[in-house]
Amino acid sequence: MALRKHRTDAAIAANEADAARGDASAYWVCLALLLAMVTLAMRIASMW
């Protein structure tokens, strides 16, 4: 019984680690998109 609980706790910890990595990836993707939008806006503004 203790072994089953230990496996469950390990699985929960692994899932939380994966979720944290996924959140970090989403953060960097959003930051890159924001930077690209600002760069594009600056280029459009400089053409006018």
Protein backbone atom coordinates (compact mmCIF):
# COMPACT_ATOMS: atom_id res chain seq x y z
CA MET A 1 0.00 0.00 0.00
CA ALA A 2 2.82 2.42 0.84
CA LEU A 3 4.49 1.66 -2.47
CA ARG A 4 1.31 2.57 -4.37
CA LYS A 5 1.05 5.89 -2.49
CA HIS A 6 4.72 6.59 -3.19
CA ARG A 7 4.18 5.98 -6.91
CA THR A 8 1.14 8.24 -6.90
CA ASP A 9 3.05 11.04 -5.15
CA ALA A 10 5.88 10.67 -7.66
CA ALA A 11 3.43 10.81 -10.57
CA ILE A 12 1.82 13.95 -9.15
CA ALA A 13 5.23 15.59 -8.72
CA ALA A 14 6.20 14.67 -12.29
CA ASN A 15 2.95 16.11 -13.66
CA GLU A 16 3.48 19.34 -11.73
CA ALA A 17 7.01 19.62 -13.11
CA ASP A 18 5.71 19.13 -16.66
CA ALA A 19 3.04 21.78 -16.08
CA ALA A 20 5.64 24.23 -14.79
CA ARG A 21 7.77 23.64 -17.90
CA GLY A 22 4.73 24.15 -20.09
CA ASP A 23 3.90 27.42 -18.35
CA ALA A 24 7.47 28.62 -18.79
CA SER A 25 7.34 27.76 -22.52
CA ALA A 26 4.07 29.64 -22.91
CA TYR A 27 5.62 32.64 -21.16
CA TRP A 28 8.56 32.78 -23.57
CA VAL A 29 6.32 32.32 -26.62
CA CYS A 30 4.07 35.18 -25.50
CA LEU A 31 7.09 37.36 -24.79
CA ALA A 32 8.52 36.65 -28.25
CA LEU A 33 5.18 37.45 -29.90
CA LEU A 34 4.92 40.70 -27.96
CA LEU A 35 8.44 41.68 -29.01
CA ALA A 36 7.65 40.85 -32.65
CA MET A 37 4.48 42.98 -32.52
CA VAL A 38 6.37 45.95 -31.05
CA THR A 39 9.08 45.61 -33.70
CA LEU A 40 6.49 45.47 -36.47
CA ALA A 41 4.66 48.50 -35.07
CA MET A 42 7.93 50.45 -34.95
CA ARG A 43 8.69 49.56 -38.58
CA ILE A 44 5.21 50.59 -39.73
CA ALA A 45 5.46 53.85 -37.78
CA SER A 46 8.87 54.64 -39.27
CA MET A 47 7.51 54.20 -42.83
CA TRP A 48 4.89 56.91 -42.33
